[in-house]
Structures are given as structure tokens and as C-alpha cells.
């Protein structure tokens, strides 16, 4: 922070709206679930910020998992290199256009009533930081010749001297191409980077690269969940949900039985959501089902959640494998379960898309209105599915 001159110490003026500060500690693990680093980060407390004071805009695009899987399938098919770099202290490299004043942490031998920090550069925790970082990075990438994908702004393409595709997710950049060294050399002259070589752990997804395939899995995440809930040695089941089970609102007795467990149902369900969207498409409907009654769960909802974990135990070796091949064949399926929801009589839409014989896109959702027939439900499902399919084709 001293080298980058992140802040200056200034006298507090009554007109300053001070933003709080705090320490954030994190244990970083690698693709083998081994601890590789302990990090301590001084962050701003975003809850103490007020919209319109020092900032007005916060939005910046982040990578979409569907886009990432499509790129990986493309890389595997064409035998492209699949590398990853991480920006060192990324946000600290982004200058602020408007002054922000931070209060000094307690315990520092400075009079906090008289002195504060005037930020020159972005710091982790500020609401506007993602935009402040993304804008100069995007401008520089455009300047050196990258062009964005119209339908996925976090995917960029560079045609010369050798085609390169980038997938940008905040401060992590995935590089795909025949010659990735040229881009690494170019960006390292502009920013401090950590060259991670072949991608091994990307957005919590473990990556295994073979000579003719790329495999994605989240087994380490599933193992950690089973250990967290103390069911690492549980029996397994063959389906994510009990067949023909329809969860409904809990009775007062069922709610009381669950409350007695002292467990946060919302947090528990949230812990399996990422698995279903990252590499486990067969979990998605189960996660959707157990997520519909987060406010007032009962003991039966908790049992349904445990059933999902039992399924995880028996399917930990499941993975997505993208193989080398020729062409880019897209195969898609859509289906509807008419009036699946017993309380609202709304139907369930489900669809998936294959690219070169492996999943790249999948989704399931409850339809917004009641369908009068199976045909109407199928047409509603096809409408959602077609939008996704057309995006993928383009």
C-alpha cells in the first residue's frame, strides 16, 4: 500500500463522510483442497457508505458460468491452451476519480478523532470498486486490440498475432489460445500479475487438463460440505430428491421440530446452490425445490436437504468432460412437468444444451403463470429454452 500510495493522512473536516474500516482474514486453498496461503486484507465497510456520497455507479459485468463452459468446450475441441492469471492487489491499482475518506482502525497509535485516510486508489470493500477496476482494465484491453463479445461482455477476442480468447472475472483472467505467452508478456508490462500456468482451480471449480480433454468438477467442495454437516460416512441414495415427493408449507409442529435443531436452513441451502450451477446439473431441480420455503422451513424440508447431501456422497466422482473433436455440434432438450407445484399448480420448466457431447447450459424454473394444458406449458418452456439456444448459437 505504501508503494502504490493508496492513501494520504489528512486532518478530519466536519464535512467529510467517513467510511469505516475492518480487517478481513481468509484461508486460501488450492485445487487439492490444501491450504496454500493465509491472507489479511484491510477493507472498507461498505455498509457505512451512502449512495450519492463519493459514488453513484457500482455496476460492472462479471463472467457467466454458461459463457465459461462454452469457452472451455471450444478450447477442448480445438486443443487450445487453457491458462490462468491473477492480478496482484488488483483493486489497489485502480485510481479513484472521487475522493473517499476512511476512518482509521482502532488500535493504531494515531488520534482517530483528528486524522483520517484520504484514498487515492480503490480499496477492497468499497461499493464502487468493481467498476473502478473494470473500466481501466477494459480500456487497456481495447487499446491493445481486444474486442468484446456482444452477448457476453466478459469474453474478449484478440485476432493477432495468434487468436486469443479471454474470460474476465473481476481480477481473474482465463486465457485460451495457441500462443498465450504473448498476451502474458503484454499484460505483465502493464500490471503486476501472478502467472498460474495451466488452469487448475477456476472460480471454485477444479480443472484437470489432459492431452485430448478438459474435466471440470467440484468434488472438493462436496467433500467439505459433507464434513461440515458430519455425514462424511453416510449412506448414499440414487436420486437427489425422494421420487414423487412434493414439498409443501410446514405445519406448526414441523416448524417447531426444525427450530429445535438450531440450524440456519437458508445458509445450508445456499451452500449447495453453487454446485448445481457450476458442475452438477442433476442437482438443480432438487436445489430449486428445497429453496422455495426458505422463510419458514419445517423438519421435512431439512430431511429433503439431507437427502441431497446423501446423493452428493454417492456421486462425488461425477464431472463434466469436454473432449477434443471436430465441428461444434449443438444438441438441446427441453421438457415440462405440468402443474408440478401442488400449492400453486404451476408447471416446471427444464432444459439443457450439449456442445460436443457435454453439458454447457442447463436450467430449471417454476413457470410464472398457470398453464391450462400440457401444450401451453411446453410452449412456455420452449420460449425460455429458445432464447438460451439462440444466445449460444450467436
Protein backbone atom coordinates (compact mmCIF):
# COMPACT_ATOMS: atom_id res chain seq x y z
CA UNK A 1 0.00 0.00 0.00
CA UNK A 2 2.90 2.35 0.70
CA UNK A 3 4.46 1.65 -2.71
CA UNK A 4 1.19 2.39 -4.51
CA UNK A 5 0.44 5.40 -2.29
CA UNK A 6 -3.07 4.14 -1.68
CA UNK A 7 -3.89 6.91 0.81
CA UNK A 8 -2.76 10.12 2.42
CA UNK A 9 -3.33 11.03 6.06
CA UNK A 10 -5.30 14.25 6.36
CA UNK A 11 -7.00 16.26 9.07
CA UNK A 12 -10.67 15.47 9.52
CA UNK A 13 -13.06 18.12 8.24
CA UNK A 14 -16.65 18.23 9.59
CA UNK A 15 -17.93 17.90 6.01
CA UNK A 16 -16.24 14.52 5.47
CA UNK A 17 -18.47 11.42 5.48
CA UNK A 18 -16.11 8.83 6.91
CA UNK A 19 -16.30 5.21 5.75
CA UNK A 20 -15.44 2.57 8.34
CA UNK A 21 -12.57 0.09 8.03
CA UNK A 22 -12.11 -3.50 9.12
CA UNK A 23 -9.79 -6.48 8.75
CA UNK A 24 -10.83 -9.50 6.66
CA UNK A 25 -8.92 -12.75 7.12
CA UNK A 26 -9.04 -15.56 4.57
CA UNK A 27 -7.53 -19.02 4.20
CA UNK A 28 -6.76 -19.79 0.56
CA UNK A 29 -6.77 -23.39 -0.69
CA UNK A 30 -5.57 -24.95 -3.95
CA UNK A 31 -7.26 -27.45 -6.27
CA UNK A 32 -6.30 -30.29 -3.90
CA UNK A 33 -8.10 -28.55 -1.01
CA UNK A 34 -4.75 -27.89 0.68
CA UNK A 35 -4.08 -24.61 2.49
CA UNK A 36 -1.58 -22.57 0.47
CA UNK A 37 -1.90 -19.10 1.94
CA UNK A 38 -3.25 -17.04 4.81
CA UNK A 39 -4.33 -13.55 3.79
CA UNK A 40 -5.16 -10.46 5.81
CA UNK A 41 -6.84 -7.62 3.94
CA UNK A 42 -7.70 -4.13 5.15
CA UNK A 43 -11.16 -3.37 3.77
CA UNK A 44 -13.68 -0.57 3.76
CA UNK A 45 -17.02 -1.26 5.44
CA UNK A 46 -19.45 -0.86 2.57
CA UNK A 47 -22.42 -0.75 4.96
CA UNK A 48 -21.20 2.64 6.15
CA UNK A 49 -21.30 4.10 2.62
CA UNK A 50 -24.19 6.26 1.45
CA UNK A 51 -25.36 6.23 -2.16
CA UNK A 52 -24.60 9.56 -3.83
CA UNK A 53 -21.80 10.38 -1.38
CA UNK A 54 -18.47 9.77 -3.15
CA UNK A 55 -20.11 7.38 -5.66
CA UNK A 56 -23.18 6.93 -7.86
CA UNK A 57 -22.41 3.95 -10.10
CA UNK A 58 -21.34 0.48 -8.98
CA UNK A 59 -22.21 -1.95 -11.77
CA UNK A 60 -19.53 -3.84 -13.66
CA UNK A 61 -20.07 -7.07 -15.62
CA UNK A 62 -18.75 -10.36 -14.29
CA UNK A 63 -18.28 -13.63 -16.09
CA UNK A 64 -21.22 -16.00 -16.52
CA UNK A 65 -20.65 -19.71 -15.90
CA UNK A 66 -22.51 -20.65 -19.08
CA UNK A 67 -20.07 -18.50 -21.06
CA UNK A 68 -17.11 -20.10 -19.32
CA UNK A 69 -18.28 -23.64 -20.07
CA UNK A 70 -18.87 -22.76 -23.73
CA UNK A 71 -15.32 -21.39 -23.96
CA UNK A 72 -13.87 -24.48 -22.28
CA UNK A 73 -15.77 -26.76 -24.66
CA UNK A 74 -14.42 -24.70 -27.56
CA UNK A 75 -10.87 -24.90 -26.16
CA UNK A 76 -11.07 -28.67 -25.74
CA UNK A 77 -12.47 -29.19 -29.23
CA UNK A 78 -9.71 -27.13 -30.84
CA UNK A 79 -6.89 -28.29 -28.50
CA UNK A 80 -6.21 -24.76 -27.24
CA UNK A 81 -4.04 -23.90 -24.26
CA UNK A 82 -6.11 -23.08 -21.17
CA UNK A 83 -4.17 -20.84 -18.78
CA UNK A 84 -4.99 -18.53 -15.91
CA UNK A 85 -3.52 -15.37 -14.39
CA UNK A 86 -4.38 -13.48 -11.23
CA UNK A 87 -3.90 -9.76 -10.73
CA UNK A 88 -1.78 -8.86 -7.72
CA UNK A 89 -3.63 -6.40 -5.46
CA UNK A 90 -5.90 -5.66 -8.40
CA UNK A 91 -8.16 -3.05 -6.83
CA UNK A 92 -5.23 -1.14 -5.36
CA UNK A 93 -4.05 -0.45 -8.92
CA UNK A 94 -7.26 1.40 -9.80
CA UNK A 95 -7.23 5.19 -9.20
CA UNK A 96 -10.33 6.81 -7.72
CA UNK A 97 -11.96 9.67 -9.61
CA UNK A 98 -13.65 10.99 -6.45
CA UNK A 99 -12.14 11.34 -3.00
CA UNK A 100 -13.17 8.86 -0.32
CA UNK A 101 -12.31 9.31 3.35
CA UNK A 102 -11.75 6.34 5.66
CA UNK A 103 -11.69 6.26 9.42
CA UNK A 104 -8.53 4.79 10.97
CA UNK A 105 -8.76 1.37 12.59
CA UNK A 106 -8.94 1.16 16.35
CA UNK A 107 -5.65 0.16 17.93
CA UNK A 108 -3.50 2.32 15.64
CA UNK A 109 -1.37 4.82 17.53
CA UNK A 110 -2.99 7.81 15.82
CA UNK A 111 -5.69 10.17 17.09
CA UNK A 112 -8.71 8.85 15.16
CA UNK A 113 -10.76 11.91 16.16
CA UNK A 114 -8.46 14.26 14.23
CA UNK A 115 -6.85 12.20 11.44
CA UNK A 116 -8.43 10.13 8.64
CA UNK A 117 -7.30 8.48 5.40
CA UNK A 118 -7.92 10.14 2.04
CA UNK A 119 -7.92 7.41 -0.60
CA UNK A 120 -6.01 7.90 -3.85
CA UNK A 121 -6.74 4.39 -5.08
CA UNK A 122 -9.52 1.86 -4.70
CA UNK A 123 -9.55 -0.39 -1.66
CA UNK A 124 -11.38 -3.67 -1.13
CA UNK A 125 -14.87 -3.30 0.29
CA UNK A 126 -15.96 -0.07 -1.40
CA UNK A 127 -19.22 -0.44 -3.31
CA UNK A 128 -17.82 1.21 -6.45
CA UNK A 129 -14.57 -0.79 -6.53
CA UNK A 130 -15.58 -3.40 -9.18
CA UNK A 131 -16.48 -0.63 -11.64
CA UNK A 132 -13.39 1.43 -10.79
CA UNK A 133 -11.21 -1.62 -11.51
CA UNK A 134 -13.09 -2.91 -14.57
CA UNK A 135 -13.16 0.36 -16.53
CA UNK A 136 -9.36 0.94 -16.88
CA UNK A 137 -8.77 -2.79 -17.46
CA UNK A 138 -11.35 -2.81 -20.25
CA UNK A 139 -9.93 0.37 -21.79
CA UNK A 140 -6.42 -1.11 -21.83
CA UNK A 141 -7.61 -4.40 -23.37
CA UNK A 142 -9.42 -2.47 -26.09
CA UNK A 143 -6.32 -0.37 -26.69
CA UNK A 144 -4.07 -3.40 -27.33
CA UNK A 145 -6.56 -4.87 -29.79
CA UNK A 146 -9.13 -6.97 -27.93
CA UNK A 147 -12.78 -6.84 -28.99
CA UNK A 148 -15.66 -7.79 -26.66
CA UNK A 149 -18.31 -10.38 -27.37
CA UNK A 150 -21.60 -8.52 -27.87
CA UNK A 151 -23.68 -11.04 -25.91
CA UNK A 152 -21.07 -11.75 -23.21
CA UNK A 153 -19.04 -8.60 -22.38
CA UNK A 154 -16.61 -10.52 -20.16
CA UNK A 155 -15.40 -12.57 -23.13
CA UNK A 156 -12.87 -10.76 -25.32
CA UNK A 157 -11.16 -11.81 -28.54
CA UNK A 158 -7.72 -10.91 -29.92
CA UNK A 159 -7.02 -11.90 -33.53
CA UNK A 160 -3.31 -11.11 -33.93
CA UNK A 161 -0.63 -12.32 -33.89
CA UNK A 162 -2.46 -15.52 -32.86
CA UNK A 163 -6.14 -15.79 -31.84
CA UNK A 164 -6.69 -15.50 -28.08
CA UNK A 165 -9.88 -15.53 -26.05
CA UNK A 166 -10.16 -14.05 -22.55
CA UNK A 167 -12.70 -14.75 -19.85
CA UNK A 168 -12.54 -11.91 -17.31
CA UNK A 169 -13.99 -12.37 -13.84
CA UNK A 170 -13.05 -9.37 -11.66
CA UNK A 171 -9.30 -9.90 -11.05
CA UNK A 172 -9.03 -13.41 -12.52
CA UNK A 173 -8.38 -13.78 -16.25
CA UNK A 174 -8.64 -17.07 -18.12
CA UNK A 175 -6.64 -17.23 -21.36
CA UNK A 176 -7.40 -19.62 -24.21
CA UNK A 177 -5.37 -19.85 -27.40
CA UNK A 178 -2.48 -21.49 -29.23
CA UNK A 179 0.04 -18.86 -28.12
CA UNK A 180 -0.80 -17.40 -24.70
CA UNK A 181 2.74 -16.26 -23.80
CA UNK A 182 2.45 -13.13 -25.95
CA UNK A 183 -0.56 -11.87 -24.01
CA UNK A 184 1.04 -12.68 -20.66
CA UNK A 185 4.10 -10.68 -21.66
CA UNK A 186 1.92 -7.78 -22.82
CA UNK A 187 -0.18 -7.54 -19.67
CA UNK A 188 2.74 -8.09 -17.28
CA UNK A 189 4.34 -4.94 -18.71
CA UNK A 190 1.23 -3.01 -17.64
CA UNK A 191 0.17 -4.69 -14.38
CA UNK A 192 1.63 -6.95 -11.73
CA UNK A 193 0.28 -10.44 -12.33
CA UNK A 194 0.64 -13.90 -10.86
CA UNK A 195 1.04 -16.43 -13.65
CA UNK A 196 -0.82 -19.56 -12.54
CA UNK A 197 0.07 -21.51 -15.69
CA UNK A 198 -2.44 -24.16 -16.72
CA UNK A 199 -5.77 -23.52 -15.01
CA UNK A 200 -6.27 -25.85 -12.03
CA UNK A 201 -8.83 -24.06 -9.85
CA UNK A 202 -11.14 -21.56 -11.51
CA UNK A 203 -13.96 -19.85 -9.59
CA UNK A 204 -14.04 -22.74 -7.14
CA UNK A 205 -14.16 -25.32 -9.96
CA UNK A 206 -11.36 -27.85 -10.17
CA UNK A 207 -9.86 -28.21 -13.66
CA UNK A 208 -7.98 -31.27 -14.95
CA UNK A 209 -6.40 -30.89 -18.38
CA UNK A 210 -5.43 -33.95 -20.40
CA UNK A 211 -3.97 -34.27 -23.88
CA UNK A 212 -7.39 -34.51 -25.52
CA UNK A 213 -9.88 -33.40 -22.86
CA UNK A 214 -10.67 -30.92 -20.10
CA UNK A 215 -12.55 -32.10 -17.00
CA UNK A 216 -14.40 -29.89 -14.51
CA UNK A 217 -15.54 -30.99 -11.05
CA UNK A 218 -16.38 -29.63 -7.60
CA UNK A 219 -15.63 -32.77 -5.61
CA UNK A 220 -13.52 -30.86 -3.07
CA UNK A 221 -16.48 -28.57 -2.38
CA UNK A 222 -18.83 -31.53 -1.87
CA UNK A 223 -16.37 -33.23 0.50
CA UNK A 224 -16.11 -30.07 2.58
CA UNK A 225 -19.92 -29.86 2.83
CA UNK A 226 -20.27 -33.47 3.94
CA UNK A 227 -17.60 -32.91 6.57
CA UNK A 228 -19.27 -29.68 7.71
CA UNK A 229 -22.57 -31.46 8.36
CA UNK A 230 -20.91 -34.51 9.89
CA UNK A 231 -22.17 -37.02 7.33
CA UNK A 232 -18.96 -37.96 5.57
CA UNK A 233 -19.67 -41.66 6.19
CA UNK A 234 -23.40 -41.57 5.43
CA UNK A 235 -25.31 -44.00 3.24
CA UNK A 236 -25.91 -42.93 -0.34
CA UNK A 237 -29.07 -42.58 -2.44
CA UNK A 238 -29.54 -42.76 -6.20
CA UNK A 239 -31.66 -39.61 -6.74
CA UNK A 240 -31.28 -36.01 -5.49
CA UNK A 241 -34.91 -35.98 -4.25
CA UNK A 242 -37.26 -38.66 -2.98
CA UNK A 243 -39.21 -39.78 -6.10
CA UNK A 244 -42.68 -38.22 -6.42
CA UNK A 245 -42.13 -36.08 -3.32
CA UNK A 246 -43.73 -32.61 -3.38
CA UNK A 247 -42.62 -30.26 -0.61
CA UNK A 248 -45.35 -28.05 0.83
CA UNK A 249 -45.66 -25.47 3.59
CA UNK A 250 -44.66 -26.77 7.01
CA UNK A 251 -47.12 -27.22 9.86
CA UNK A 252 -46.52 -25.52 13.20
CA UNK A 253 -45.33 -28.82 14.65
CA UNK A 254 -42.86 -29.38 11.80
CA UNK A 255 -41.53 -25.83 12.19
CA UNK A 256 -41.03 -26.34 15.92
CA UNK A 257 -39.11 -29.57 15.37
CA UNK A 258 -36.78 -27.83 12.93
CA UNK A 259 -36.27 -24.75 15.12
CA UNK A 260 -35.16 -27.08 17.93
CA UNK A 261 -32.21 -28.16 15.75
CA UNK A 262 -30.78 -24.61 15.82
CA UNK A 263 -29.73 -24.74 12.15
CA UNK A 264 -29.82 -21.97 9.54
CA UNK A 265 -31.81 -23.51 6.69
CA UNK A 266 -31.17 -20.60 4.34
CA UNK A 267 -27.41 -20.88 4.80
CA UNK A 268 -27.50 -24.65 4.33
CA UNK A 269 -29.43 -24.48 1.06
CA UNK A 270 -27.16 -21.69 -0.18
CA UNK A 271 -24.14 -23.93 0.35
CA UNK A 272 -25.30 -26.41 -2.33
CA UNK A 273 -26.59 -23.85 -4.81
CA UNK A 274 -23.19 -23.20 -6.41
CA UNK A 275 -22.63 -26.91 -7.00
CA UNK A 276 -25.85 -27.14 -9.03
CA UNK A 277 -24.94 -24.19 -11.26
CA UNK A 278 -21.23 -24.99 -11.68
CA UNK A 279 -20.80 -28.69 -12.50
CA UNK A 280 -23.78 -30.66 -11.14
CA UNK A 281 -26.78 -30.17 -13.46
CA UNK A 282 -28.71 -33.07 -11.91
CA UNK A 283 -28.82 -31.17 -8.60
CA UNK A 284 -30.54 -28.10 -9.98
CA UNK A 285 -34.17 -29.21 -9.64
CA UNK A 286 -33.52 -30.53 -6.13
CA UNK A 287 -31.92 -27.25 -5.06
CA UNK A 288 -34.82 -25.34 -6.61
CA UNK A 289 -37.30 -27.47 -4.65
CA UNK A 290 -35.64 -27.08 -1.24
CA UNK A 291 -35.17 -23.33 -1.88
CA UNK A 292 -38.86 -22.49 -2.22
CA UNK A 293 -39.63 -22.36 1.50
CA UNK A 294 -36.62 -20.61 2.99
CA UNK A 295 -38.61 -18.31 5.29
CA UNK A 296 -40.47 -20.91 7.36
CA UNK A 297 -38.90 -24.36 6.87
CA UNK A 298 -40.00 -27.48 8.68
CA UNK A 299 -38.36 -30.75 9.60
CA UNK A 300 -39.43 -32.33 6.29
CA UNK A 301 -37.59 -29.64 4.35
CA UNK A 302 -34.47 -30.36 6.37
CA UNK A 303 -34.79 -34.07 5.60
CA UNK A 304 -35.07 -33.21 1.89
CA UNK A 305 -31.87 -31.16 2.17
CA UNK A 306 -30.08 -34.08 3.84
CA UNK A 307 -31.29 -36.32 1.02
CA UNK A 308 -29.48 -34.04 -1.44
CA UNK A 309 -26.29 -34.42 0.61
CA UNK A 310 -26.67 -38.21 0.64
CA UNK A 311 -26.90 -38.07 -3.14
CA UNK A 312 -23.74 -35.94 -3.22
CA UNK A 313 -21.92 -38.59 -1.22
CA UNK A 314 -22.67 -41.21 -3.86
CA UNK A 315 -21.92 -39.02 -6.88
CA UNK A 316 -18.71 -37.26 -5.87
CA UNK A 317 -16.85 -38.67 -8.85
CA UNK A 318 -19.29 -37.06 -11.31
CA UNK A 319 -17.63 -34.49 -13.57
CA UNK A 320 -18.04 -32.62 -16.85
CA UNK A 321 -15.58 -33.76 -19.52
CA UNK A 322 -15.05 -31.81 -22.73
CA UNK A 323 -13.18 -33.79 -25.39
CA UNK A 324 -11.26 -32.86 -28.49
CA UNK A 325 -13.17 -33.31 -31.73
CA UNK A 326 -14.22 -31.68 -34.96
CA UNK A 327 -17.03 -29.23 -35.53
CA UNK A 328 -19.27 -27.54 -32.99
CA UNK A 329 -22.42 -29.63 -32.81
CA UNK A 330 -25.14 -28.24 -30.54
CA UNK A 331 -27.85 -30.55 -29.18
CA UNK A 332 -30.60 -29.21 -26.93
CA UNK A 333 -33.52 -30.68 -24.97
CA UNK A 334 -36.49 -29.08 -23.25
CA UNK A 335 -39.25 -30.57 -21.11
CA UNK A 336 -42.06 -29.54 -18.79
CA UNK A 337 -43.69 -31.11 -15.73
CA UNK A 338 -47.26 -29.86 -15.97
CA UNK A 339 -48.78 -28.49 -12.73
CA UNK A 340 -45.91 -29.93 -10.70
CA UNK A 341 -46.41 -27.50 -7.79
CA UNK A 342 -49.30 -28.80 -5.67
CA UNK A 343 -49.90 -25.47 -3.93
CA UNK A 344 -49.87 -23.13 -6.97
CA UNK A 345 -50.46 -25.63 -9.83
CA UNK A 346 -47.68 -24.00 -11.81
CA UNK A 347 -45.55 -26.12 -14.13
CA UNK A 348 -41.80 -26.69 -14.01
CA UNK A 349 -39.59 -25.86 -17.00
CA UNK A 350 -36.33 -27.69 -17.56
CA UNK A 351 -33.81 -27.59 -20.40
CA UNK A 352 -30.20 -28.40 -21.18
CA UNK A 353 -27.81 -27.79 -24.04
CA UNK A 354 -24.93 -30.01 -25.15
CA UNK A 355 -21.92 -28.76 -27.06
CA UNK A 356 -19.74 -31.50 -28.49
CA UNK A 357 -21.34 -34.17 -26.30
CA UNK A 358 -21.11 -32.41 -22.94
CA UNK A 359 -23.34 -30.06 -20.96
CA UNK A 360 -22.67 -26.34 -21.26
CA UNK A 361 -26.06 -24.83 -20.33
CA UNK A 362 -28.83 -26.09 -18.05
CA UNK A 363 -31.69 -24.56 -16.11
CA UNK A 364 -34.93 -25.36 -14.33
CA UNK A 365 -37.57 -22.96 -13.04
CA UNK A 366 -41.17 -22.67 -12.00
CA UNK A 367 -43.25 -21.06 -14.73
CA UNK A 368 -44.65 -17.59 -13.87
CA UNK A 369 -48.30 -18.45 -14.62
CA UNK A 370 -50.64 -21.45 -14.51
CA UNK A 371 -50.85 -23.33 -17.81
CA UNK A 372 -54.25 -24.63 -18.90
CA UNK A 373 -52.79 -27.61 -20.74
CA UNK A 374 -49.58 -29.53 -21.26
CA UNK A 375 -49.25 -27.92 -24.70
CA UNK A 376 -49.35 -24.43 -23.22
CA UNK A 377 -46.76 -25.41 -20.61
CA UNK A 378 -44.50 -26.87 -23.29
CA UNK A 379 -44.70 -23.71 -25.41
CA UNK A 380 -43.78 -21.56 -22.40
CA UNK A 381 -40.82 -23.83 -21.75
CA UNK A 382 -39.75 -23.68 -25.40
CA UNK A 383 -39.81 -19.88 -25.31
CA UNK A 384 -37.27 -19.74 -22.46
CA UNK A 385 -35.22 -22.53 -23.96
CA UNK A 386 -35.10 -20.96 -27.43
CA UNK A 387 -33.76 -17.68 -26.04
CA UNK A 388 -30.87 -19.57 -24.44
CA UNK A 389 -30.28 -21.62 -27.58
CA UNK A 390 -30.15 -18.55 -29.84
CA UNK A 391 -27.68 -16.88 -27.46
CA UNK A 392 -25.43 -19.92 -27.69
CA UNK A 393 -25.60 -20.08 -31.50
CA UNK A 394 -24.61 -16.43 -31.80
